[in-house]
Amino acid sequence: MELTIKKENGVLSIAGNGRLDTVTSAELSAKLDETGYEDVDIDFDFTGIEYISSAGLRLILALQKQATETGNKLVIRNINKVVAEIFRVAGFNKSLTIV
């Protein structure tokens, strides 16, 4: 999975392509720990994300929790039909901001 992470003006922008699964979620988590994601708004562009596993869902949930605890927000953008259905089945579509 290729990842792009930028932190500017209080916003952490994340984009990637491929699958957000056990292996890639761990890679993304490590990169986020290096970059720092405390007290920033998070903008996650899912344009290139083909699939998300339960490990990916846990990572998204952790990002949402961190953002909420610091008074920030997490926005998920450009999800495809497969990911939208996974979010719906998991109930994430009710608790996340998806645009």
PDB file of N, CA and C in Angstrom:
ATOM      1  N   MET A   1       0.846  -1.176   0.000  1.00  0.00           N
ATOM      2  CA  MET A   1       0.000   0.000   0.000  1.00  0.00           C
ATOM      3  C   MET A   1       0.891   1.239   0.000  1.00  0.00           C
ATOM      4  N   GLU A   2       0.607   2.134  -0.914  1.00  0.00           N
ATOM      5  CA  GLU A   2       1.298   3.416  -0.944  1.00  0.00           C
ATOM      6  C   GLU A   2       0.514   4.401  -0.080  1.00  0.00           C
ATOM      7  N   LEU A   3       1.248   5.144   0.736  1.00  0.00           N
ATOM      8  CA  LEU A   3       0.615   6.099   1.640  1.00  0.00           C
ATOM      9  C   LEU A   3       1.197   7.483   1.446  1.00  0.00           C
ATOM     10  N   THR A   4       0.329   8.463   1.553  1.00  0.00           N
ATOM     11  CA  THR A   4       0.760   9.856   1.582  1.00  0.00           C
ATOM     12  C   THR A   4       0.177  10.469   2.850  1.00  0.00           C
ATOM     13  N   ILE A   5       1.050  11.008   3.671  1.00  0.00           N
ATOM     14  CA  ILE A   5       0.622  11.645   4.914  1.00  0.00           C
ATOM     15  C   ILE A   5       1.258  13.024   4.963  1.00  0.00           C
ATOM     16  N   LYS A   6       0.405  14.044   5.122  1.00  0.00           N
ATOM     17  CA  LYS A   6       0.881  15.421   5.238  1.00  0.00           C
ATOM     18  C   LYS A   6       0.224  16.059   6.448  1.00  0.00           C
ATOM     19  N   LYS A   7       0.994  16.862   7.148  1.00  0.00           N
ATOM     20  CA  LYS A   7       0.472  17.579   8.313  1.00  0.00           C
ATOM     21  C   LYS A   7       0.741  19.065   8.101  1.00  0.00           C
ATOM     22  N   GLU A   8      -0.362  19.826   7.898  1.00  0.00           N
ATOM     23  CA  GLU A   8      -0.250  21.259   7.659  1.00  0.00           C
ATOM     24  C   GLU A   8      -1.414  21.989   8.317  1.00  0.00           C
ATOM     25  N   ASN A   9      -1.117  23.111   8.919  1.00  0.00           N
ATOM     26  CA  ASN A   9      -2.146  24.001   9.460  1.00  0.00           C
ATOM     27  C   ASN A   9      -3.185  23.280  10.319  1.00  0.00           C
ATOM     28  N   GLY A  10      -2.738  22.368  11.167  1.00  0.00           N
ATOM     29  CA  GLY A  10      -3.648  21.689  12.074  1.00  0.00           C
ATOM     30  C   GLY A  10      -4.483  20.597  11.433  1.00  0.00           C
ATOM     31  N   VAL A  11      -4.117  20.187  10.205  1.00  0.00           N
ATOM     32  CA  VAL A  11      -4.847  19.116   9.514  1.00  0.00           C
ATOM     33  C   VAL A  11      -3.858  18.042   9.082  1.00  0.00           C
ATOM     34  N   LEU A  12      -4.177  16.808   9.430  1.00  0.00           N
ATOM     35  CA  LEU A  12      -3.402  15.655   8.986  1.00  0.00           C
ATOM     36  C   LEU A  12      -4.159  15.032   7.818  1.00  0.00           C
ATOM     37  N   SER A  13      -3.547  15.074   6.641  1.00  0.00           N
ATOM     38  CA  SER A  13      -4.166  14.508   5.437  1.00  0.00           C
ATOM     39  C   SER A  13      -3.536  13.161   5.149  1.00  0.00           C
ATOM     40  N   ILE A  14      -4.397  12.151   4.958  1.00  0.00           N
ATOM     41  CA  ILE A  14      -3.947  10.792   4.688  1.00  0.00           C
ATOM     42  C   ILE A  14      -4.588  10.337   3.389  1.00  0.00           C
ATOM     43  N   ALA A  15      -3.798   9.735   2.526  1.00  0.00           N
ATOM     44  CA  ALA A  15      -4.322   9.125   1.304  1.00  0.00           C
ATOM     45  C   ALA A  15      -3.534   7.854   1.057  1.00  0.00           C
ATOM     46  N   GLY A  16      -4.194   6.892   0.472  1.00  0.00           N
ATOM     47  CA  GLY A  16      -3.505   5.641   0.176  1.00  0.00           C
ATOM     48  C   GLY A  16      -4.214   4.912  -0.944  1.00  0.00           C
ATOM     49  N   ASN A  17      -3.569   3.842  -1.393  1.00  0.00           N
ATOM     50  CA  ASN A  17      -4.251   3.001  -2.365  1.00  0.00           C
ATOM     51  C   ASN A  17      -3.974   1.541  -2.038  1.00  0.00           C
ATOM     52  N   GLY A  18      -4.935   0.698  -2.402  1.00  0.00           N
ATOM     53  CA  GLY A  18      -4.824  -0.721  -2.099  1.00  0.00           C
ATOM     54  C   GLY A  18      -5.803  -1.119  -1.015  1.00  0.00           C
ATOM     55  N   ARG A  19      -5.366  -2.079  -0.225  1.00  0.00           N
ATOM     56  CA  ARG A  19      -6.208  -2.630   0.838  1.00  0.00           C
ATOM     57  C   ARG A  19      -5.742  -2.107   2.197  1.00  0.00           C
ATOM     58  N   LEU A  20      -6.695  -1.747   3.035  1.00  0.00           N
ATOM     59  CA  LEU A  20      -6.388  -1.363   4.408  1.00  0.00           C
ATOM     60  C   LEU A  20      -6.713  -2.584   5.270  1.00  0.00           C
ATOM     61  N   ASP A  21      -5.708  -3.468   5.411  1.00  0.00           N
ATOM     62  CA  ASP A  21      -5.905  -4.739   6.103  1.00  0.00           C
ATOM     63  C   ASP A  21      -4.944  -4.838   7.284  1.00  0.00           C
ATOM     64  N   THR A  22      -4.726  -6.032   7.793  1.00  0.00           N
ATOM     65  CA  THR A  22      -3.896  -6.214   8.981  1.00  0.00           C
ATOM     66  C   THR A  22      -2.492  -5.654   8.787  1.00  0.00           C
ATOM     67  N   VAL A  23      -1.850  -6.001   7.689  1.00  0.00           N
ATOM     68  CA  VAL A  23      -0.480  -5.568   7.438  1.00  0.00           C
ATOM     69  C   VAL A  23      -0.413  -4.061   7.185  1.00  0.00           C
ATOM     70  N   THR A  24      -1.256  -3.570   6.294  1.00  0.00           N
ATOM     71  CA  THR A  24      -1.181  -2.150   5.935  1.00  0.00           C
ATOM     72  C   THR A  24      -1.681  -1.245   7.053  1.00  0.00           C
ATOM     73  N   SER A  25      -2.610  -1.732   7.864  1.00  0.00           N
ATOM     74  CA  SER A  25      -3.062  -0.937   9.017  1.00  0.00           C
ATOM     75  C   SER A  25      -1.923  -0.745  10.008  1.00  0.00           C
ATOM     76  N   ALA A  26      -1.131  -1.798  10.212  1.00  0.00           N
ATOM     77  CA  ALA A  26       0.016  -1.692  11.113  1.00  0.00           C
ATOM     78  C   ALA A  26       1.046  -0.708  10.540  1.00  0.00           C
ATOM     79  N   GLU A  27       1.268  -0.758   9.226  1.00  0.00           N
ATOM     80  CA  GLU A  27       2.192   0.187   8.587  1.00  0.00           C
ATOM     81  C   GLU A  27       1.696   1.623   8.740  1.00  0.00           C
ATOM     82  N   LEU A  28       0.415   1.832   8.489  1.00  0.00           N
ATOM     83  CA  LEU A  28      -0.158   3.174   8.614  1.00  0.00           C
ATOM     84  C   LEU A  28      -0.086   3.659  10.052  1.00  0.00           C
ATOM     85  N   SER A  29      -0.398   2.788  10.989  1.00  0.00           N
ATOM     86  CA  SER A  29      -0.349   3.157  12.401  1.00  0.00           C
ATOM     87  C   SER A  29       1.062   3.597  12.800  1.00  0.00           C
ATOM     88  N   ALA A  30       2.073   2.865  12.338  1.00  0.00           N
ATOM     89  CA  ALA A  30       3.457   3.221  12.653  1.00  0.00           C
ATOM     90  C   ALA A  30       3.818   4.582  12.051  1.00  0.00           C
ATOM     91  N   LYS A  31       3.392   4.829  10.814  1.00  0.00           N
ATOM     92  CA  LYS A  31       3.675   6.117  10.179  1.00  0.00           C
ATOM     93  C   LYS A  31       2.951   7.254  10.884  1.00  0.00           C
ATOM     94  N   LEU A  32       1.735   6.983  11.348  1.00  0.00           N
ATOM     95  CA  LEU A  32       0.990   8.009  12.080  1.00  0.00           C
ATOM     96  C   LEU A  32       1.660   8.316  13.409  1.00  0.00           C
ATOM     97  N   ASP A  33       2.189   7.282  14.066  1.00  0.00           N
ATOM     98  CA  ASP A  33       2.907   7.507  15.320  1.00  0.00           C
ATOM     99  C   ASP A  33       4.139   8.381  15.085  1.00  0.00           C
ATOM    100  N   GLU A  34       4.827   8.177  13.961  1.00  0.00           N
ATOM    101  CA  GLU A  34       5.995   8.993  13.621  1.00  0.00           C
ATOM    102  C   GLU A  34       5.601  10.443  13.353  1.00  0.00           C
ATOM    103  N   THR A  35       4.502  10.616  12.610  1.00  0.00           N
ATOM    104  CA  THR A  35       4.051  11.948  12.216  1.00  0.00           C
ATOM    105  C   THR A  35       3.407  12.686  13.376  1.00  0.00           C
ATOM    106  N   GLY A  36       2.670  11.962  14.195  1.00  0.00           N
ATOM    107  CA  GLY A  36       1.909  12.553  15.289  1.00  0.00           C
ATOM    108  C   GLY A  36       0.527  12.941  14.815  1.00  0.00           C
ATOM    109  N   TYR A  37      -0.473  12.462  15.501  1.00  0.00           N
ATOM    110  CA  TYR A  37      -1.841  12.765  15.086  1.00  0.00           C
ATOM    111  C   TYR A  37      -2.689  13.255  16.252  1.00  0.00           C
ATOM    112  N   GLU A  38      -2.033  13.733  17.282  1.00  0.00           N
ATOM    113  CA  GLU A  38      -2.746  14.293  18.408  1.00  0.00           C
ATOM    114  C   GLU A  38      -3.084  15.749  18.123  1.00  0.00           C
ATOM    115  N   ASP A  39      -4.274  16.124  18.494  1.00  0.00           N
ATOM    116  CA  ASP A  39      -4.738  17.514  18.406  1.00  0.00           C
ATOM    117  C   ASP A  39      -4.669  18.096  16.995  1.00  0.00           C
ATOM    118  N   VAL A  40      -5.086  17.296  16.010  1.00  0.00           N
ATOM    119  CA  VAL A  40      -5.229  17.766  14.631  1.00  0.00           C
ATOM    120  C   VAL A  40      -6.529  17.207  14.061  1.00  0.00           C
ATOM    121  N   ASP A  41      -7.097  17.923  13.103  1.00  0.00           N
ATOM    122  CA  ASP A  41      -8.197  17.356  12.333  1.00  0.00           C
ATOM    123  C   ASP A  41      -7.588  16.346  11.369  1.00  0.00           C
ATOM    124  N   ILE A  42      -8.320  15.277  11.091  1.00  0.00           N
ATOM    125  CA  ILE A  42      -7.815  14.226  10.214  1.00  0.00           C
ATOM    126  C   ILE A  42      -8.711  14.135   8.993  1.00  0.00           C
ATOM    127  N   ASP A  43      -8.104  14.233   7.833  1.00  0.00           N
ATOM    128  CA  ASP A  43      -8.802  14.139   6.557  1.00  0.00           C
ATOM    129  C   ASP A  43      -8.245  12.910   5.838  1.00  0.00           C
ATOM    130  N   PHE A  44      -9.059  11.852   5.731  1.00  0.00           N
ATOM    131  CA  PHE A  44      -8.606  10.583   5.154  1.00  0.00           C
ATOM    132  C   PHE A  44      -9.298  10.383   3.813  1.00  0.00           C
ATOM    133  N   ASP A  45      -8.518  10.457   2.743  1.00  0.00           N
ATOM    134  CA  ASP A  45      -9.042  10.285   1.382  1.00  0.00           C
ATOM    135  C   ASP A  45      -8.956   8.809   0.997  1.00  0.00           C
ATOM    136  N   PHE A  46     -10.117   8.195   0.823  1.00  0.00           N
ATOM    137  CA  PHE A  46     -10.210   6.771   0.499  1.00  0.00           C
ATOM    138  C   PHE A  46     -10.296   6.517  -1.003  1.00  0.00           C
ATOM    139  N   THR A  47      -9.979   7.487  -1.841  1.00  0.00           N
ATOM    140  CA  THR A  47     -10.109   7.315  -3.290  1.00  0.00           C
ATOM    141  C   THR A  47      -9.444   6.026  -3.764  1.00  0.00           C
ATOM    142  N   GLY A  48      -8.252   5.728  -3.287  1.00  0.00           N
ATOM    143  CA  GLY A  48      -7.526   4.548  -3.743  1.00  0.00           C
ATOM    144  C   GLY A  48      -7.684   3.319  -2.869  1.00  0.00           C
ATOM    145  N   ILE A  49      -8.489   3.407  -1.799  1.00  0.00           N
ATOM    146  CA  ILE A  49      -8.674   2.259  -0.901  1.00  0.00           C
ATOM    147  C   ILE A  49      -9.734   1.339  -1.496  1.00  0.00           C
ATOM    148  N   GLU A  50      -9.331   0.122  -1.840  1.00  0.00           N
ATOM    149  CA  GLU A  50     -10.229  -0.844  -2.476  1.00  0.00           C
ATOM    150  C   GLU A  50     -11.042  -1.648  -1.470  1.00  0.00           C
ATOM    151  N   TYR A  51     -10.472  -1.853  -0.272  1.00  0.00           N
ATOM    152  CA  TYR A  51     -11.085  -2.742   0.714  1.00  0.00           C
ATOM    153  C   TYR A  51     -10.573  -2.359   2.091  1.00  0.00           C
ATOM    154  N   ILE A  52     -11.393  -2.567   3.115  1.00  0.00           N
ATOM    155  CA  ILE A  52     -10.964  -2.346   4.496  1.00  0.00           C
ATOM    156  C   ILE A  52     -11.365  -3.561   5.325  1.00  0.00           C
ATOM    157  N   SER A  53     -10.416  -4.086   6.089  1.00  0.00           N
ATOM    158  CA  SER A  53     -10.672  -5.246   6.946  1.00  0.00           C
ATOM    159  C   SER A  53     -11.015  -4.777   8.360  1.00  0.00           C
ATOM    160  N   SER A  54     -11.223  -5.740   9.249  1.00  0.00           N
ATOM    161  CA  SER A  54     -11.528  -5.380  10.639  1.00  0.00           C
ATOM    162  C   SER A  54     -10.353  -4.643  11.283  1.00  0.00           C
ATOM    163  N   ALA A  55      -9.128  -4.955  10.881  1.00  0.00           N
ATOM    164  CA  ALA A  55      -7.963  -4.237  11.408  1.00  0.00           C
ATOM    165  C   ALA A  55      -7.998  -2.779  10.956  1.00  0.00           C
ATOM    166  N   GLY A  56      -8.391  -2.550   9.718  1.00  0.00           N
ATOM    167  CA  GLY A  56      -8.538  -1.187   9.219  1.00  0.00           C
ATOM    168  C   GLY A  56      -9.640  -0.443   9.942  1.00  0.00           C
ATOM    169  N   LEU A  57     -10.741  -1.142  10.211  1.00  0.00           N
ATOM    170  CA  LEU A  57     -11.844  -0.528  10.956  1.00  0.00           C
ATOM    171  C   LEU A  57     -11.398  -0.136  12.355  1.00  0.00           C
ATOM    172  N   ARG A  58     -10.603  -1.000  13.006  1.00  0.00           N
ATOM    173  CA  ARG A  58     -10.091  -0.665  14.345  1.00  0.00           C
ATOM    174  C   ARG A  58      -9.219   0.585  14.301  1.00  0.00           C
ATOM    175  N   LEU A  59      -8.396   0.706  13.259  1.00  0.00           N
ATOM    176  CA  LEU A  59      -7.550   1.890  13.123  1.00  0.00           C
ATOM    177  C   LEU A  59      -8.392   3.147  12.936  1.00  0.00           C
ATOM    178  N   ILE A  60      -9.410   3.060  12.098  1.00  0.00           N
ATOM    179  CA  ILE A  60     -10.303   4.208  11.889  1.00  0.00           C
ATOM    180  C   ILE A  60     -10.991   4.578  13.200  1.00  0.00           C
ATOM    181  N   LEU A  61     -11.433   3.566  13.945  1.00  0.00           N
ATOM    182  CA  LEU A  61     -12.075   3.811  15.237  1.00  0.00           C
ATOM    183  C   LEU A  61     -11.113   4.492  16.211  1.00  0.00           C
ATOM    184  N   ALA A  62      -9.854   4.073  16.223  1.00  0.00           N
ATOM    185  CA  ALA A  62      -8.849   4.692  17.093  1.00  0.00           C
ATOM    186  C   ALA A  62      -8.592   6.144  16.685  1.00  0.00           C
ATOM    187  N   LEU A  63      -8.551   6.396  15.378  1.00  0.00           N
ATOM    188  CA  LEU A  63      -8.376   7.775  14.905  1.00  0.00           C
ATOM    189  C   LEU A  63      -9.566   8.642  15.296  1.00  0.00           C
ATOM    190  N   GLN A  64     -10.773   8.089  15.170  1.00  0.00           N
ATOM    191  CA  GLN A  64     -11.979   8.820  15.560  1.00  0.00           C
ATOM    192  C   GLN A  64     -11.956   9.136  17.051  1.00  0.00           C
ATOM    193  N   LYS A  65     -11.579   8.159  17.851  1.00  0.00           N
ATOM    194  CA  LYS A  65     -11.527   8.354  19.297  1.00  0.00           C
ATOM    195  C   LYS A  65     -10.514   9.438  19.666  1.00  0.00           C
ATOM    196  N   GLN A  66      -9.328   9.383  19.058  1.00  0.00           N
ATOM    197  CA  GLN A  66      -8.293  10.391  19.325  1.00  0.00           C
ATOM    198  C   GLN A  66      -8.786  11.784  18.948  1.00  0.00           C
ATOM    199  N   ALA A  67      -9.395  11.884  17.782  1.00  0.00           N
ATOM    200  CA  ALA A  67      -9.897  13.188  17.328  1.00  0.00           C
ATOM    201  C   ALA A  67     -10.964  13.722  18.278  1.00  0.00           C
ATOM    202  N   THR A  68     -11.885  12.870  18.680  1.00  0.00           N
ATOM    203  CA  THR A  68     -12.962  13.287  19.574  1.00  0.00           C
ATOM    204  C   THR A  68     -12.413  13.734  20.928  1.00  0.00           C
ATOM    205  N   GLU A  69     -11.458  12.987  21.461  1.00  0.00           N
ATOM    206  CA  GLU A  69     -10.889  13.316  22.768  1.00  0.00           C
ATOM    207  C   GLU A  69     -10.185  14.671  22.776  1.00  0.00           C
ATOM    208  N   THR A  70      -9.660  15.085  21.633  1.00  0.00           N
ATOM    209  CA  THR A  70      -8.939  16.359  21.573  1.00  0.00           C
ATOM    210  C   THR A  70      -9.786  17.479  20.978  1.00  0.00           C
ATOM    211  N   GLY A  71     -11.073  17.198  20.746  1.00  0.00           N
ATOM    212  CA  GLY A  71     -11.953  18.222  20.205  1.00  0.00           C
ATOM    213  C   GLY A  71     -11.759  18.460  18.718  1.00  0.00           C
ATOM    214  N   ASN A  72     -11.192  17.498  18.044  1.00  0.00           N
ATOM    215  CA  ASN A  72     -10.967  17.610  16.605  1.00  0.00           C
ATOM    216  C   ASN A  72     -11.941  16.700  15.866  1.00  0.00           C
ATOM    217  N   LYS A  73     -11.776  16.620  14.543  1.00  0.00           N
ATOM    218  CA  LYS A  73     -12.700  15.802  13.772  1.00  0.00           C
ATOM    219  C   LYS A  73     -11.949  14.923  12.778  1.00  0.00           C
ATOM    220  N   LEU A  74     -12.585  13.840  12.431  1.00  0.00           N
ATOM    221  CA  LEU A  74     -12.100  12.918  11.412  1.00  0.00           C
ATOM    222  C   LEU A  74     -13.112  12.930  10.282  1.00  0.00           C
ATOM    223  N   VAL A  75     -12.631  13.152   9.069  1.00  0.00           N
ATOM    224  CA  VAL A  75     -13.493  13.131   7.888  1.00  0.00           C
ATOM    225  C   VAL A  75     -12.943  12.075   6.939  1.00  0.00           C
ATOM    226  N   ILE A  76     -13.823  11.199   6.475  1.00  0.00           N
ATOM    227  CA  ILE A  76     -13.478  10.170   5.492  1.00  0.00           C
ATOM    228  C   ILE A  76     -14.071  10.622   4.160  1.00  0.00           C
ATOM    229  N   ARG A  77     -13.242  10.638   3.115  1.00  0.00           N
ATOM    230  CA  ARG A  77     -13.695  11.110   1.799  1.00  0.00           C
ATOM    231  C   ARG A  77     -13.563  10.014   0.745  1.00  0.00           C
ATOM    232  N   ASN A  78     -14.451  10.088  -0.233  1.00  0.00           N
ATOM    233  CA  ASN A  78     -14.322   9.329  -1.478  1.00  0.00           C
ATOM    234  C   ASN A  78     -14.262   7.805  -1.302  1.00  0.00           C
ATOM    235  N   ILE A  79     -15.179   7.247  -0.510  1.00  0.00           N
ATOM    236  CA  ILE A  79     -15.183   5.796  -0.357  1.00  0.00           C
ATOM    237  C   ILE A  79     -15.919   5.150  -1.539  1.00  0.00           C
ATOM    238  N   ASN A  80     -15.477   3.946  -1.892  1.00  0.00           N
ATOM    239  CA  ASN A  80     -16.145   3.224  -2.972  1.00  0.00           C
ATOM    240  C   ASN A  80     -17.312   2.404  -2.409  1.00  0.00           C
ATOM    241  N   LYS A  81     -18.023   1.712  -3.264  1.00  0.00           N
ATOM    242  CA  LYS A  81     -19.214   0.965  -2.842  1.00  0.00           C
ATOM    243  C   LYS A  81     -18.873  -0.177  -1.886  1.00  0.00           C
ATOM    244  N   VAL A  82     -17.760  -0.845  -2.117  1.00  0.00           N
ATOM    245  CA  VAL A  82     -17.361  -1.960  -1.252  1.00  0.00           C
ATOM    246  C   VAL A  82     -17.089  -1.453   0.162  1.00  0.00           C
ATOM    247  N   VAL A  83     -16.295  -0.408   0.283  1.00  0.00           N
ATOM    248  CA  VAL A  83     -15.968   0.156   1.592  1.00  0.00           C
ATOM    249  C   VAL A  83     -17.217   0.743   2.244  1.00  0.00           C
ATOM    250  N   ALA A  84     -18.068   1.383   1.460  1.00  0.00           N
ATOM    251  CA  ALA A  84     -19.315   1.945   1.999  1.00  0.00           C
ATOM    252  C   ALA A  84     -20.178   0.848   2.608  1.00  0.00           C
ATOM    253  N   GLU A  85     -20.240  -0.290   1.960  1.00  0.00           N
ATOM    254  CA  GLU A  85     -21.044  -1.405   2.483  1.00  0.00           C
ATOM    255  C   GLU A  85     -20.422  -1.955   3.768  1.00  0.00           C
ATOM    256  N   ILE A  86     -19.107  -2.059   3.813  1.00  0.00           N
ATOM    257  CA  ILE A  86     -18.435  -2.533   5.030  1.00  0.00           C
ATOM    258  C   ILE A  86     -18.701  -1.560   6.177  1.00  0.00           C
ATOM    259  N   PHE A  87     -18.591  -0.265   5.920  1.00  0.00           N
ATOM    260  CA  PHE A  87     -18.899   0.734   6.943  1.00  0.00           C
ATOM    261  C   PHE A  87     -20.352   0.610   7.405  1.00  0.00           C
ATOM    262  N   ARG A  88     -21.268   0.383   6.467  1.00  0.00           N
ATOM    263  CA  ARG A  88     -22.685   0.271   6.808  1.00  0.00           C
ATOM    264  C   ARG A  88     -22.936  -0.949   7.692  1.00  0.00           C
ATOM    265  N   VAL A  89     -22.384  -2.096   7.306  1.00  0.00           N
ATOM    266  CA  VAL A  89     -22.581  -3.327   8.074  1.00  0.00           C
ATOM    267  C   VAL A  89     -21.987  -3.188   9.480  1.00  0.00           C
ATOM    268  N   ALA A  90     -20.840  -2.521   9.577  1.00  0.00           N
ATOM    269  CA  ALA A  90     -20.188  -2.331  10.878  1.00  0.00           C
ATOM    270  C   ALA A  90     -20.830  -1.210  11.696  1.00  0.00           C
ATOM    271  N   GLY A  91     -21.729  -0.436  11.082  1.00  0.00           N
ATOM    272  CA  GLY A  91     -22.380   0.668  11.768  1.00  0.00           C
ATOM    273  C   GLY A  91     -21.546   1.943  11.794  1.00  0.00           C
ATOM    274  N   PHE A  92     -20.432   1.958  11.080  1.00  0.00           N
ATOM    275  CA  PHE A  92     -19.559   3.119  11.063  1.00  0.00           C
ATOM    276  C   PHE A  92     -20.184   4.292  10.319  1.00  0.00           C
ATOM    277  N   ASN A  93     -21.074   4.000   9.403  1.00  0.00           N
ATOM    278  CA  ASN A  93     -21.698   5.085   8.637  1.00  0.00           C
ATOM    279  C   ASN A  93     -22.529   5.996   9.536  1.00  0.00           C
ATOM    280  N   LYS A  94     -22.896   5.540  10.717  1.00  0.00           N
ATOM    281  CA  LYS A  94     -23.690   6.351  11.638  1.00  0.00           C
ATOM    282  C   LYS A  94     -22.825   7.197  12.567  1.00  0.00           C
ATOM    283  N   SER A  95     -21.574   6.779  12.762  1.00  0.00           N
ATOM    284  CA  SER A  95     -20.731   7.485  13.731  1.00  0.00           C
ATOM    285  C   SER A  95     -19.569   8.261  13.116  1.00  0.00           C
ATOM    286  N   LEU A  96     -19.317   8.057  11.808  1.00  0.00           N
ATOM    287  CA  LEU A  96     -18.241   8.762  11.138  1.00  0.00           C
ATOM    288  C   LEU A  96     -18.781   9.834  10.205  1.00  0.00           C
ATOM    289  N   THR A  97     -17.962  10.830   9.969  1.00  0.00           N
ATOM    290  CA  THR A  97     -18.301  11.835   8.953  1.00  0.00           C
ATOM    291  C   THR A  97     -17.729  11.351   7.640  1.00  0.00           C
ATOM    292  N   ILE A  98     -18.622  10.943   6.731  1.00  0.00           N
ATOM    293  CA  ILE A  98     -18.218  10.407   5.431  1.00  0.00           C
ATOM    294  C   ILE A  98     -18.785  11.320   4.357  1.00  0.00           C
ATOM    295  N   VAL A  99     -17.887  11.861   3.538  1.00  0.00           N
ATOM    296  CA  VAL A  99     -18.329  12.750   2.457  1.00  0.00           C
ATOM    297  C   VAL A  99     -17.814  12.266   1.125  1.00  0.00           C
TER     298      VAL A  99
END
